[in-house]
Amino acid sequence: MLIESTGLAFIAALSPTALLVTAVYLGSARPKLVTTFYLIGATAMSLVMATVLLVVLRDLDLSRADHRAPRYALRLGSGVVMLVAAIVVSRRRTGGVRAPHRHGVVARMVADPSPATALVVGVLVFAPGATFLASIQVIATAQAGLELTVTALLIVVVVNVLLVWLPIVLYVFVPARTATYLASFDGWLQANSRQVLAWTLGVVGALLAADGIHGLILG
């Protein structure tokens, strides 16, 4: 469960928007302060949404042994939806994948960096996507105790905001190189965002569907 949920969270963390905002904030007049508030917003959103989803799914008792079929049916259904989404994304002719409902508001706030706006941007940019939700679903439907569940949840949240806290750590030690690396990686991620998203959805969807089928057959 830990490996599967962490792997999904890592894939969810590969967000061109999240990295671009991090790069902009680290190049602002108050890089450490502004980026820290961005991290706080991102972490808060990830933690709150992860907790809410976990509680909702746990209330359905999908982790119980006698609810094996509904648990794996949910994983199979989630996998199929993500596979369909991967096909749709891969066939788009646009140069990249965007989130129109976020970019207008986020762009205006990022253009004028401050701790308050950075906090809000963190919340908006890290509104949960399909892969992050899939990672929480794996935790919520696993037969695990409270300690392991909490540990897995915290790991997923930390990994999900990887492209915020890792650049901050690198910036503290090697600020000049960090800016160069961010610009390079962000350029690649922006240019290949559609392919990255399609592959992400496809791989995660295939894993969830295979897990669902395997669980239903064994059940």
N, C-alpha and C. Protein backbone atom coordinates (compact mmCIF):
# COMPACT_ATOMS: atom_id res chain seq x y z
N MET A 1 0.82 -1.21 0.00
CA MET A 1 0.00 0.00 0.00
C MET A 1 0.85 1.26 0.00
N LEU A 2 1.91 1.28 0.83
CA LEU A 2 2.79 2.44 0.91
C LEU A 2 3.47 2.71 -0.43
N ILE A 3 3.97 1.64 -1.05
CA ILE A 3 4.69 1.80 -2.32
C ILE A 3 3.75 2.31 -3.40
N GLU A 4 2.56 1.71 -3.48
CA GLU A 4 1.60 2.10 -4.53
C GLU A 4 1.13 3.54 -4.35
N SER A 5 0.76 3.91 -3.13
CA SER A 5 0.25 5.26 -2.89
C SER A 5 1.35 6.31 -3.07
N THR A 6 2.57 5.99 -2.66
CA THR A 6 3.69 6.92 -2.82
C THR A 6 4.04 7.10 -4.28
N GLY A 7 4.01 6.02 -5.04
CA GLY A 7 4.29 6.09 -6.48
C GLY A 7 3.27 6.96 -7.20
N LEU A 8 2.02 6.81 -6.84
CA LEU A 8 0.97 7.63 -7.44
C LEU A 8 1.14 9.10 -7.06
N ALA A 9 1.52 9.35 -5.81
CA ALA A 9 1.73 10.73 -5.36
C ALA A 9 2.90 11.38 -6.10
N PHE A 10 3.94 10.60 -6.37
CA PHE A 10 5.09 11.12 -7.10
C PHE A 10 4.69 11.52 -8.52
N ILE A 11 3.88 10.70 -9.16
CA ILE A 11 3.41 11.03 -10.50
C ILE A 11 2.53 12.28 -10.45
N ALA A 12 1.69 12.37 -9.41
CA ALA A 12 0.82 13.54 -9.26
C ALA A 12 1.62 14.81 -9.06
N ALA A 13 2.81 14.68 -8.48
CA ALA A 13 3.63 15.85 -8.19
C ALA A 13 4.23 16.49 -9.44
N LEU A 14 4.25 15.78 -10.55
CA LEU A 14 4.86 16.30 -11.78
C LEU A 14 3.92 17.30 -12.46
N SER A 15 3.83 18.47 -11.88
CA SER A 15 2.92 19.51 -12.38
C SER A 15 3.71 20.68 -12.96
N PRO A 16 3.57 20.96 -14.25
CA PRO A 16 4.24 22.11 -14.84
C PRO A 16 3.85 23.42 -14.18
N THR A 17 2.58 23.57 -13.83
CA THR A 17 2.11 24.80 -13.19
C THR A 17 2.76 24.99 -11.83
N ALA A 18 2.79 23.93 -11.02
CA ALA A 18 3.39 24.01 -9.69
C ALA A 18 4.86 24.41 -9.77
N LEU A 19 5.58 23.82 -10.71
CA LEU A 19 7.01 24.11 -10.84
C LEU A 19 7.24 25.52 -11.37
N LEU A 20 6.42 25.94 -12.31
CA LEU A 20 6.56 27.29 -12.87
C LEU A 20 6.36 28.35 -11.80
N VAL A 21 5.35 28.16 -10.96
CA VAL A 21 5.09 29.11 -9.88
C VAL A 21 6.25 29.13 -8.90
N THR A 22 6.78 27.96 -8.58
CA THR A 22 7.94 27.89 -7.69
C THR A 22 9.11 28.67 -8.25
N ALA A 23 9.36 28.49 -9.54
CA ALA A 23 10.48 29.19 -10.19
C ALA A 23 10.28 30.71 -10.14
N VAL A 24 9.07 31.16 -10.38
CA VAL A 24 8.78 32.60 -10.35
C VAL A 24 8.99 33.16 -8.94
N TYR A 25 8.49 32.45 -7.95
CA TYR A 25 8.61 32.93 -6.57
C TYR A 25 10.06 32.94 -6.09
N LEU A 26 10.85 31.97 -6.51
CA LEU A 26 12.26 31.94 -6.10
C LEU A 26 13.06 33.05 -6.80
N GLY A 27 12.48 33.63 -7.83
CA GLY A 27 13.14 34.74 -8.51
C GLY A 27 12.60 36.09 -8.09
N SER A 28 11.72 36.11 -7.08
CA SER A 28 11.11 37.35 -6.62
C SER A 28 12.03 38.09 -5.64
N ALA A 29 11.57 39.24 -5.16
CA ALA A 29 12.37 40.06 -4.25
C ALA A 29 12.53 39.39 -2.88
N ARG A 30 11.54 38.62 -2.45
CA ARG A 30 11.61 37.91 -1.17
C ARG A 30 11.39 36.42 -1.41
N PRO A 31 12.34 35.76 -2.05
CA PRO A 31 12.14 34.38 -2.52
C PRO A 31 11.80 33.37 -1.42
N LYS A 32 12.55 33.37 -0.33
CA LYS A 32 12.32 32.37 0.72
C LYS A 32 10.98 32.57 1.41
N LEU A 33 10.64 33.80 1.74
CA LEU A 33 9.39 34.08 2.43
C LEU A 33 8.19 33.76 1.57
N VAL A 34 8.19 34.26 0.33
CA VAL A 34 7.05 34.05 -0.57
C VAL A 34 6.87 32.57 -0.90
N THR A 35 7.98 31.89 -1.19
CA THR A 35 7.89 30.47 -1.55
C THR A 35 7.46 29.63 -0.35
N THR A 36 7.85 30.02 0.84
CA THR A 36 7.42 29.30 2.04
C THR A 36 5.91 29.38 2.22
N PHE A 37 5.33 30.55 1.98
CA PHE A 37 3.87 30.69 2.08
C PHE A 37 3.17 29.89 0.97
N TYR A 38 3.80 29.83 -0.18
CA TYR A 38 3.27 29.00 -1.27
C TYR A 38 3.26 27.54 -0.84
N LEU A 39 4.33 27.11 -0.18
CA LEU A 39 4.41 25.74 0.32
C LEU A 39 3.35 25.48 1.38
N ILE A 40 3.12 26.45 2.26
CA ILE A 40 2.10 26.29 3.30
C ILE A 40 0.71 26.10 2.67
N GLY A 41 0.39 26.92 1.68
CA GLY A 41 -0.89 26.78 1.00
C GLY A 41 -1.04 25.46 0.30
N ALA A 42 0.03 25.04 -0.39
CA ALA A 42 0.01 23.77 -1.12
C ALA A 42 -0.15 22.59 -0.16
N THR A 43 0.58 22.63 0.94
CA THR A 43 0.51 21.54 1.91
C THR A 43 -0.85 21.49 2.59
N ALA A 44 -1.37 22.66 2.94
CA ALA A 44 -2.68 22.71 3.59
C ALA A 44 -3.77 22.14 2.70
N MET A 45 -3.78 22.54 1.43
CA MET A 45 -4.78 22.03 0.50
C MET A 45 -4.65 20.51 0.34
N SER A 46 -3.43 20.04 0.15
CA SER A 46 -3.19 18.60 -0.02
C SER A 46 -3.63 17.81 1.20
N LEU A 47 -3.28 18.32 2.39
CA LEU A 47 -3.60 17.61 3.63
C LEU A 47 -5.11 17.59 3.90
N VAL A 48 -5.75 18.73 3.70
CA VAL A 48 -7.20 18.81 3.96
C VAL A 48 -7.97 17.91 3.00
N MET A 49 -7.65 18.01 1.70
CA MET A 49 -8.38 17.21 0.72
C MET A 49 -8.11 15.72 0.90
N ALA A 50 -6.87 15.38 1.24
CA ALA A 50 -6.53 13.97 1.47
C ALA A 50 -7.30 13.43 2.67
N THR A 51 -7.39 14.21 3.72
CA THR A 51 -8.10 13.79 4.93
C THR A 51 -9.59 13.63 4.66
N VAL A 52 -10.17 14.60 3.96
CA VAL A 52 -11.60 14.56 3.65
C VAL A 52 -11.93 13.33 2.81
N LEU A 53 -11.14 13.10 1.77
CA LEU A 53 -11.39 11.95 0.90
C LEU A 53 -11.20 10.64 1.66
N LEU A 54 -10.18 10.59 2.50
CA LEU A 54 -9.93 9.39 3.29
C LEU A 54 -11.10 9.09 4.21
N VAL A 55 -11.60 10.10 4.88
CA VAL A 55 -12.72 9.92 5.80
C VAL A 55 -13.98 9.46 5.06
N VAL A 56 -14.25 10.09 3.92
CA VAL A 56 -15.43 9.74 3.14
C VAL A 56 -15.36 8.28 2.68
N LEU A 57 -14.21 7.88 2.15
CA LEU A 57 -14.07 6.50 1.66
C LEU A 57 -14.08 5.50 2.81
N ARG A 58 -13.47 5.87 3.93
CA ARG A 58 -13.47 4.96 5.08
C ARG A 58 -14.88 4.80 5.65
N ASP A 59 -15.69 5.85 5.56
CA ASP A 59 -17.07 5.76 6.03
C ASP A 59 -17.89 4.76 5.21
N LEU A 60 -17.43 4.50 4.00
CA LEU A 60 -18.11 3.52 3.15
C LEU A 60 -17.70 2.10 3.51
N ASP A 61 -16.72 1.97 4.44
CA ASP A 61 -16.25 0.65 4.92
C ASP A 61 -15.68 -0.21 3.79
N LEU A 62 -15.08 0.43 2.81
CA LEU A 62 -14.53 -0.35 1.68
C LEU A 62 -13.29 -1.15 2.06
N SER A 63 -12.70 -0.84 3.21
CA SER A 63 -11.51 -1.58 3.63
C SER A 63 -11.85 -2.89 4.34
N ARG A 64 -13.11 -3.09 4.67
CA ARG A 64 -13.51 -4.32 5.36
C ARG A 64 -13.38 -5.53 4.44
N ALA A 65 -13.07 -6.67 5.05
CA ALA A 65 -12.86 -7.90 4.28
C ALA A 65 -14.11 -8.31 3.50
N ASP A 66 -15.31 -8.08 4.09
CA ASP A 66 -16.54 -8.48 3.41
C ASP A 66 -16.99 -7.48 2.35
N HIS A 67 -16.21 -6.39 2.17
CA HIS A 67 -16.50 -5.41 1.12
C HIS A 67 -15.43 -5.45 0.03
N ARG A 68 -14.88 -6.61 -0.17
CA ARG A 68 -13.80 -6.77 -1.15
C ARG A 68 -14.24 -6.40 -2.56
N ALA A 69 -15.42 -6.88 -2.96
CA ALA A 69 -15.90 -6.60 -4.32
C ALA A 69 -16.11 -5.11 -4.58
N PRO A 70 -16.82 -4.38 -3.71
CA PRO A 70 -16.97 -2.93 -3.95
C PRO A 70 -15.64 -2.20 -3.95
N ARG A 71 -14.69 -2.63 -3.08
CA ARG A 71 -13.39 -1.97 -2.99
C ARG A 71 -12.63 -2.08 -4.31
N TYR A 72 -12.58 -3.29 -4.84
CA TYR A 72 -11.83 -3.48 -6.08
C TYR A 72 -12.61 -3.01 -7.31
N ALA A 73 -13.94 -2.99 -7.20
CA ALA A 73 -14.74 -2.44 -8.29
C ALA A 73 -14.47 -0.94 -8.42
N LEU A 74 -14.30 -0.25 -7.27
CA LEU A 74 -13.99 1.17 -7.29
C LEU A 74 -12.63 1.41 -7.94
N ARG A 75 -11.65 0.57 -7.62
CA ARG A 75 -10.32 0.71 -8.23
C ARG A 75 -10.38 0.44 -9.73
N LEU A 76 -11.15 -0.57 -10.12
CA LEU A 76 -11.29 -0.87 -11.54
C LEU A 76 -11.96 0.28 -12.27
N GLY A 77 -13.04 0.80 -11.70
CA GLY A 77 -13.74 1.92 -12.32
C GLY A 77 -12.86 3.15 -12.44
N SER A 78 -12.09 3.46 -11.38
CA SER A 78 -11.17 4.60 -11.42
C SER A 78 -10.12 4.41 -12.50
N GLY A 79 -9.63 3.18 -12.62
CA GLY A 79 -8.61 2.90 -13.63
C GLY A 79 -9.14 3.08 -15.05
N VAL A 80 -10.34 2.60 -15.29
CA VAL A 80 -10.95 2.72 -16.61
C VAL A 80 -11.16 4.19 -16.98
N VAL A 81 -11.65 4.98 -16.02
CA VAL A 81 -11.87 6.42 -16.26
C VAL A 81 -10.56 7.10 -16.63
N MET A 82 -9.48 6.76 -15.92
CA MET A 82 -8.19 7.38 -16.19
C MET A 82 -7.61 6.93 -17.53
N LEU A 83 -7.85 5.70 -17.92
CA LEU A 83 -7.40 5.22 -19.22
C LEU A 83 -8.11 5.96 -20.36
N VAL A 84 -9.40 6.16 -20.19
CA VAL A 84 -10.16 6.92 -21.18
C VAL A 84 -9.64 8.35 -21.26
N ALA A 85 -9.38 8.94 -20.10
CA ALA A 85 -8.85 10.30 -20.07
C ALA A 85 -7.49 10.37 -20.75
N ALA A 86 -6.67 9.35 -20.57
CA ALA A 86 -5.34 9.32 -21.20
C ALA A 86 -5.47 9.31 -22.72
N ILE A 87 -6.42 8.56 -23.24
CA ILE A 87 -6.64 8.49 -24.69
C ILE A 87 -7.10 9.85 -25.22
N VAL A 88 -8.01 10.48 -24.49
CA VAL A 88 -8.53 11.79 -24.90
C VAL A 88 -7.40 12.82 -24.93
N VAL A 89 -6.59 12.85 -23.87
CA VAL A 89 -5.49 13.81 -23.79
C VAL A 89 -4.47 13.57 -24.88
N SER A 90 -4.14 12.32 -25.14
CA SER A 90 -3.11 12.00 -26.14
C SER A 90 -3.52 12.39 -27.55
N ARG A 91 -4.83 12.48 -27.80
CA ARG A 91 -5.32 12.80 -29.14
C ARG A 91 -5.56 14.29 -29.35
N ARG A 92 -5.38 15.08 -28.31
CA ARG A 92 -5.54 16.52 -28.47
C ARG A 92 -4.42 17.07 -29.33
N ARG A 93 -4.75 18.08 -30.13
CA ARG A 93 -3.77 18.66 -31.03
C ARG A 93 -3.11 19.91 -30.47
N THR A 94 -3.56 20.34 -29.28
CA THR A 94 -2.96 21.54 -28.69
C THR A 94 -1.56 21.25 -28.21
N GLY A 95 -0.77 22.30 -28.07
CA GLY A 95 0.62 22.13 -27.69
C GLY A 95 0.83 21.70 -26.27
N GLY A 96 -0.11 21.90 -25.40
CA GLY A 96 0.07 21.51 -24.01
C GLY A 96 -1.26 21.37 -23.32
N VAL A 97 -1.19 20.91 -22.11
CA VAL A 97 -2.40 20.71 -21.32
C VAL A 97 -2.48 21.82 -20.29
N ARG A 98 -3.59 22.51 -20.29
CA ARG A 98 -3.73 23.63 -19.38
C ARG A 98 -4.95 23.44 -18.49
N ALA A 99 -5.00 24.25 -17.46
CA ALA A 99 -6.15 24.24 -16.57
C ALA A 99 -6.75 25.64 -16.59
N PRO A 100 -7.61 25.92 -17.57
CA PRO A 100 -8.13 27.28 -17.77
C PRO A 100 -8.77 27.88 -16.53
N HIS A 101 -9.40 27.06 -15.70
CA HIS A 101 -10.08 27.59 -14.53
C HIS A 101 -9.10 28.08 -13.49
N ARG A 102 -7.81 27.71 -13.60
CA ARG A 102 -6.83 28.15 -12.63
C ARG A 102 -5.92 29.24 -13.17
N HIS A 103 -5.55 29.13 -14.44
CA HIS A 103 -4.45 29.95 -14.95
C HIS A 103 -4.71 31.45 -14.89
N GLY A 104 -5.92 31.93 -15.17
CA GLY A 104 -6.18 33.36 -15.16
C GLY A 104 -5.97 33.97 -13.80
N VAL A 105 -6.59 33.38 -12.78
CA VAL A 105 -6.47 33.90 -11.41
C VAL A 105 -5.04 33.74 -10.91
N VAL A 106 -4.47 32.58 -11.11
CA VAL A 106 -3.12 32.30 -10.64
C VAL A 106 -2.11 33.24 -11.28
N ALA A 107 -2.23 33.45 -12.59
CA ALA A 107 -1.27 34.30 -13.30
C ALA A 107 -1.26 35.72 -12.75
N ARG A 108 -2.44 36.24 -12.43
CA ARG A 108 -2.52 37.60 -11.90
C ARG A 108 -1.88 37.70 -10.51
N MET A 109 -2.09 36.70 -9.68
CA MET A 109 -1.53 36.74 -8.33
C MET A 109 -0.02 36.47 -8.34
N VAL A 110 0.42 35.57 -9.22
CA VAL A 110 1.85 35.27 -9.29
C VAL A 110 2.63 36.47 -9.81
N ALA A 111 2.00 37.28 -10.65
CA ALA A 111 2.67 38.45 -11.22
C ALA A 111 3.03 39.48 -10.16
N ASP A 112 2.36 39.43 -9.01
CA ASP A 112 2.64 40.39 -7.92
C ASP A 112 2.87 39.58 -6.64
N PRO A 113 4.06 38.96 -6.50
CA PRO A 113 4.31 38.04 -5.39
C PRO A 113 4.24 38.71 -4.01
N SER A 114 3.55 38.05 -3.11
CA SER A 114 3.48 38.46 -1.71
C SER A 114 3.13 37.22 -0.90
N PRO A 115 3.42 37.21 0.39
CA PRO A 115 3.09 36.04 1.20
C PRO A 115 1.60 35.67 1.13
N ALA A 116 0.72 36.66 1.17
CA ALA A 116 -0.72 36.39 1.17
C ALA A 116 -1.17 35.76 -0.15
N THR A 117 -0.75 36.35 -1.27
CA THR A 117 -1.16 35.80 -2.56
C THR A 117 -0.51 34.44 -2.81
N ALA A 118 0.72 34.27 -2.33
CA ALA A 118 1.40 32.98 -2.51
C ALA A 118 0.66 31.88 -1.78
N LEU A 119 0.12 32.19 -0.61
CA LEU A 119 -0.66 31.22 0.16
C LEU A 119 -1.88 30.78 -0.63
N VAL A 120 -2.58 31.74 -1.22
CA VAL A 120 -3.78 31.44 -2.01
C VAL A 120 -3.41 30.66 -3.27
N VAL A 121 -2.32 31.05 -3.91
CA VAL A 121 -1.88 30.34 -5.12
C VAL A 121 -1.57 28.88 -4.80
N GLY A 122 -0.95 28.64 -3.65
CA GLY A 122 -0.67 27.27 -3.25
C GLY A 122 -1.93 26.44 -3.12
N VAL A 123 -2.97 27.05 -2.57
CA VAL A 123 -4.26 26.36 -2.43
C VAL A 123 -4.88 26.07 -3.80
N LEU A 124 -4.84 27.05 -4.69
CA LEU A 124 -5.46 26.89 -6.01
C LEU A 124 -4.71 25.89 -6.89
N VAL A 125 -3.40 26.02 -6.93
CA VAL A 125 -2.60 25.16 -7.81
C VAL A 125 -2.67 23.70 -7.36
N PHE A 126 -2.77 23.49 -6.04
CA PHE A 126 -2.76 22.12 -5.54
C PHE A 126 -4.15 21.57 -5.22
N ALA A 127 -5.17 22.14 -5.85
CA ALA A 127 -6.47 21.48 -5.83
C ALA A 127 -6.27 20.08 -6.42
N PRO A 128 -6.74 19.04 -5.78
CA PRO A 128 -6.37 17.67 -6.15
C PRO A 128 -6.77 17.26 -7.55
N GLY A 129 -5.85 16.57 -8.22
CA GLY A 129 -6.11 16.00 -9.53
C GLY A 129 -6.42 14.52 -9.42
N ALA A 130 -6.62 13.87 -10.57
CA ALA A 130 -7.05 12.47 -10.59
C ALA A 130 -6.01 11.54 -9.96
N THR A 131 -4.72 11.78 -10.22
CA THR A 131 -3.69 10.88 -9.72
C THR A 131 -3.54 11.00 -8.21
N PHE A 132 -3.62 12.23 -7.70
CA PHE A 132 -3.55 12.42 -6.26
C PHE A 132 -4.73 11.73 -5.58
N LEU A 133 -5.92 11.89 -6.14
CA LEU A 133 -7.10 11.23 -5.59
C LEU A 133 -6.95 9.72 -5.62
N ALA A 134 -6.32 9.21 -6.68
CA ALA A 134 -6.10 7.77 -6.78
C ALA A 134 -5.18 7.27 -5.67
N SER A 135 -4.16 8.07 -5.34
CA SER A 135 -3.24 7.67 -4.27
C SER A 135 -3.96 7.59 -2.91
N ILE A 136 -4.86 8.53 -2.67
CA ILE A 136 -5.63 8.51 -1.41
C ILE A 136 -6.62 7.35 -1.41
N GLN A 137 -7.17 7.07 -2.59
CA GLN A 137 -8.12 5.96 -2.68
C GLN A 137 -7.45 4.63 -2.34
N VAL A 138 -6.19 4.48 -2.73
CA VAL A 138 -5.45 3.26 -2.41
C VAL A 138 -5.30 3.12 -0.89
N ILE A 139 -5.00 4.23 -0.23
CA ILE A 139 -4.84 4.20 1.23
C ILE A 139 -6.18 3.91 1.91
N ALA A 140 -7.22 4.60 1.45
CA ALA A 140 -8.53 4.50 2.11
C ALA A 140 -9.14 3.11 1.99
N THR A 141 -8.85 2.41 0.90
CA THR A 141 -9.47 1.10 0.69
C THR A 141 -8.56 -0.06 1.09
N ALA A 142 -7.40 0.27 1.66
CA ALA A 142 -6.48 -0.78 2.11
C ALA A 142 -6.86 -1.25 3.51
N GLN A 143 -6.56 -2.49 3.80
CA GLN A 143 -6.81 -3.02 5.14
C GLN A 143 -5.59 -2.69 6.00
N ALA A 144 -5.54 -1.48 6.50
CA ALA A 144 -4.39 -1.01 7.28
C ALA A 144 -4.88 -0.34 8.56
N GLY A 145 -4.04 -0.42 9.59
CA GLY A 145 -4.37 0.20 10.86
C GLY A 145 -4.20 1.70 10.83
N LEU A 146 -4.55 2.35 11.95
CA LEU A 146 -4.50 3.81 12.02
C LEU A 146 -3.09 4.34 11.82
N GLU A 147 -2.10 3.73 12.47
CA GLU A 147 -0.73 4.22 12.38
C GLU A 147 -0.20 4.17 10.95
N LEU A 148 -0.41 3.04 10.28
CA LEU A 148 0.06 2.91 8.90
C LEU A 148 -0.71 3.84 7.97
N THR A 149 -1.99 4.01 8.21
CA THR A 149 -2.82 4.89 7.38
C THR A 149 -2.34 6.33 7.49
N VAL A 150 -2.10 6.80 8.70
CA VAL A 150 -1.63 8.17 8.92
C VAL A 150 -0.26 8.36 8.30
N THR A 151 0.62 7.39 8.47
CA THR A 151 1.96 7.47 7.88
C THR A 151 1.88 7.58 6.36
N ALA A 152 1.07 6.73 5.75
CA ALA A 152 0.91 6.75 4.29
C ALA A 152 0.33 8.08 3.82
N LEU A 153 -0.64 8.60 4.57
CA LEU A 153 -1.27 9.87 4.20
C LEU A 153 -0.26 11.01 4.24
N LEU A 154 0.55 11.06 5.28
CA LEU A 154 1.55 12.12 5.40
C LEU A 154 2.61 12.02 4.31
N ILE A 155 3.02 10.79 4.00
CA ILE A 155 4.01 10.60 2.93
C ILE A 155 3.47 11.09 1.60
N VAL A 156 2.22 10.76 1.31
CA VAL A 156 1.59 11.19 0.06
C VAL A 156 1.53 12.71 -0.03
N VAL A 157 1.17 13.37 1.07
CA VAL A 157 1.09 14.83 1.08
C VAL A 157 2.47 15.45 0.84
N VAL A 158 3.48 14.93 1.51
CA VAL A 158 4.85 15.46 1.35
C VAL A 158 5.34 15.28 -0.08
N VAL A 159 5.10 14.11 -0.63
CA VAL A 159 5.54 13.83 -2.00
C VAL A 159 4.77 14.68 -3.00
N ASN A 160 3.50 14.90 -2.74
CA ASN A 160 2.67 15.67 -3.66
C ASN A 160 3.16 17.10 -3.85
N VAL A 161 3.76 17.68 -2.80
CA VAL A 161 4.27 19.06 -2.90
C VAL A 161 5.79 19.06 -3.12
N LEU A 162 6.29 17.99 -3.70
CA LEU A 162 7.73 17.82 -3.94
C LEU A 162 8.34 18.97 -4.73
N LEU A 163 7.63 19.45 -5.76
CA LEU A 163 8.18 20.49 -6.62
C LEU A 163 8.09 21.89 -6.00
N VAL A 164 7.72 21.93 -4.73
CA VAL A 164 7.76 23.19 -3.99
C VAL A 164 8.88 23.13 -2.95
N TRP A 165 8.82 22.13 -2.06
CA TRP A 165 9.82 22.09 -0.98
C TRP A 165 11.22 21.71 -1.45
N LEU A 166 11.33 20.84 -2.47
CA LEU A 166 12.66 20.46 -2.94
C LEU A 166 13.42 21.65 -3.54
N PRO A 167 12.80 22.45 -4.43
CA PRO A 167 13.50 23.65 -4.93
C PRO A 167 13.88 24.62 -3.82
N ILE A 168 13.05 24.72 -2.77
CA ILE A 168 13.38 25.61 -1.66
C ILE A 168 14.66 25.13 -0.97
N VAL A 169 14.74 23.82 -0.72
CA VAL A 169 15.93 23.25 -0.08
C VAL A 169 17.17 23.48 -0.94
N LEU A 170 17.02 23.22 -2.25
CA LEU A 170 18.16 23.42 -3.16
C LEU A 170 18.56 24.89 -3.22
N TYR A 171 17.56 25.77 -3.18
CA TYR A 171 17.84 27.20 -3.27
C TYR A 171 18.65 27.69 -2.07
N VAL A 172 18.40 27.11 -0.90
CA VAL A 172 19.12 27.51 0.30
C VAL A 172 20.62 27.23 0.15
N PHE A 173 20.95 26.10 -0.49
CA PHE A 173 22.36 25.70 -0.60
C PHE A 173 23.02 26.17 -1.88
N VAL A 174 22.30 26.10 -3.00
CA VAL A 174 22.89 26.49 -4.29
C VAL A 174 21.88 27.34 -5.07
N PRO A 175 21.69 28.59 -4.68
CA PRO A 175 20.64 29.43 -5.31
C PRO A 175 20.83 29.62 -6.81
N ALA A 176 22.06 29.86 -7.27
CA ALA A 176 22.28 30.12 -8.70
C ALA A 176 21.99 28.87 -9.54
N ARG A 177 22.50 27.75 -9.11
CA ARG A 177 22.27 26.51 -9.85
C ARG A 177 20.80 26.10 -9.82
N THR A 178 20.15 26.34 -8.70
CA THR A 178 18.74 25.99 -8.60
C THR A 178 17.91 26.71 -9.64
N ALA A 179 18.17 28.00 -9.83
CA ALA A 179 17.44 28.78 -10.84
C ALA A 179 17.66 28.19 -12.23
N THR A 180 18.89 27.80 -12.53
CA THR A 180 19.20 27.22 -13.84
C THR A 180 18.50 25.88 -14.04
N TYR A 181 18.56 25.04 -13.01
CA TYR A 181 17.92 23.72 -13.09
C TYR A 181 16.41 23.85 -13.23
N LEU A 182 15.82 24.76 -12.47
CA LEU A 182 14.38 24.96 -12.54
C LEU A 182 13.94 25.41 -13.92
N ALA A 183 14.69 26.36 -14.48
CA ALA A 183 14.35 26.87 -15.81
C ALA A 183 14.42 25.75 -16.84
N SER A 184 15.46 24.92 -16.74
CA SER A 184 15.65 23.83 -17.70
C SER A 184 14.55 22.79 -17.58
N PHE A 185 14.29 22.34 -16.34
CA PHE A 185 13.29 21.30 -16.13
C PHE A 185 11.89 21.80 -16.44
N ASP A 186 11.63 23.05 -16.07
CA ASP A 186 10.31 23.62 -16.34
C ASP A 186 10.08 23.74 -17.85
N GLY A 187 11.13 24.11 -18.58
CA GLY A 187 11.00 24.20 -20.04
C GLY A 187 10.66 22.86 -20.65
N TRP A 188 11.33 21.82 -20.17
CA TRP A 188 11.04 20.47 -20.69
C TRP A 188 9.63 20.04 -20.31
N LEU A 189 9.24 20.31 -19.06
CA LEU A 189 7.93 19.89 -18.58
C LEU A 189 6.81 20.62 -19.32
N GLN A 190 7.03 21.92 -19.58
CA GLN A 190 6.04 22.70 -20.32
C GLN A 190 5.90 22.18 -21.75
N ALA A 191 7.03 21.89 -22.40
CA ALA A 191 7.01 21.44 -23.79
C ALA A 191 6.38 20.05 -23.93
N ASN A 192 6.49 19.25 -22.89
CA ASN A 192 6.00 17.87 -22.97
C ASN A 192 4.83 17.60 -22.02
N SER A 193 4.13 18.67 -21.61
CA SER A 193 3.08 18.51 -20.61
C SER A 193 1.96 17.58 -21.06
N ARG A 194 1.57 17.67 -22.33
CA ARG A 194 0.49 16.80 -22.82
C ARG A 194 0.91 15.34 -22.78
N GLN A 195 2.13 15.07 -23.24
CA GLN A 195 2.62 13.69 -23.23
C GLN A 195 2.78 13.16 -21.80
N VAL A 196 3.29 14.03 -20.92
CA VAL A 196 3.47 13.62 -19.53
C VAL A 196 2.13 13.28 -18.89
N LEU A 197 1.14 14.13 -19.13
CA LEU A 197 -0.18 13.89 -18.54
C LEU A 197 -0.81 12.62 -19.11
N ALA A 198 -0.69 12.43 -20.42
CA ALA A 198 -1.27 11.25 -21.05
C ALA A 198 -0.63 9.97 -20.51
N TRP A 199 0.70 9.96 -20.43
CA TRP A 199 1.40 8.79 -19.90
C TRP A 199 1.08 8.56 -18.44
N THR A 200 0.98 9.65 -17.69
CA THR A 200 0.66 9.55 -16.27
C THR A 200 -0.70 8.90 -16.07
N LEU A 201 -1.70 9.44 -16.77
CA LEU A 201 -3.05 8.89 -16.67
C LEU A 201 -3.09 7.43 -17.14
N GLY A 202 -2.36 7.15 -18.22
CA GLY A 202 -2.36 5.79 -18.77
C GLY A 202 -1.73 4.78 -17.82
N VAL A 203 -0.57 5.13 -17.29
CA VAL A 203 0.13 4.21 -16.38
C VAL A 203 -0.67 3.99 -15.10
N VAL A 204 -1.12 5.09 -14.49
CA VAL A 204 -1.89 4.98 -13.25
C VAL A 204 -3.21 4.24 -13.49
N GLY A 205 -3.87 4.57 -14.61
CA GLY A 205 -5.12 3.90 -14.94
C GLY A 205 -4.93 2.41 -15.13
N ALA A 206 -3.86 2.02 -15.82
CA ALA A 206 -3.58 0.61 -16.06
C ALA A 206 -3.30 -0.12 -14.74
N LEU A 207 -2.54 0.53 -13.86
CA LEU A 207 -2.22 -0.09 -12.57
C LEU A 207 -3.49 -0.29 -11.73
N LEU A 208 -4.32 0.74 -11.69
CA LEU A 208 -5.55 0.63 -10.90
C LEU A 208 -6.51 -0.40 -11.49
N ALA A 209 -6.64 -0.40 -12.81
CA ALA A 209 -7.54 -1.36 -13.46
C ALA A 209 -7.05 -2.79 -13.24
N ALA A 210 -5.72 -3.00 -13.38
CA ALA A 210 -5.16 -4.34 -13.18
C ALA A 210 -5.37 -4.79 -11.73
N ASP A 211 -5.16 -3.87 -10.80
CA ASP A 211 -5.36 -4.20 -9.39
C ASP A 211 -6.82 -4.53 -9.12
N GLY A 212 -7.73 -3.75 -9.73
CA GLY A 212 -9.15 -4.02 -9.55
C GLY A 212 -9.56 -5.37 -10.10
N ILE A 213 -9.09 -5.68 -11.30
CA ILE A 213 -9.42 -6.97 -11.92
C ILE A 213 -8.87 -8.12 -11.11
N HIS A 214 -7.60 -7.97 -10.68
CA HIS A 214 -6.96 -9.00 -9.87
C HIS A 214 -7.73 -9.26 -8.57
N GLY A 215 -8.14 -8.17 -7.92
CA GLY A 215 -8.89 -8.31 -6.67
C GLY A 215 -10.26 -8.93 -6.86
N LEU A 216 -10.93 -8.58 -7.95
CA LEU A 216 -12.26 -9.13 -8.21
C LEU A 216 -12.19 -10.62 -8.57
N ILE A 217 -11.14 -10.98 -9.30
CA ILE A 217 -10.99 -12.39 -9.69
C ILE A 217 -10.69 -13.26 -8.48
N LEU A 218 -9.81 -12.76 -7.62
CA LEU A 218 -9.47 -13.52 -6.41
C LEU A 218 -10.63 -13.58 -5.45
N GLY A 219 -11.50 -12.52 -5.51
CA GLY A 219 -12.65 -12.49 -4.61
C GLY A 219 -13.71 -13.50 -5.01
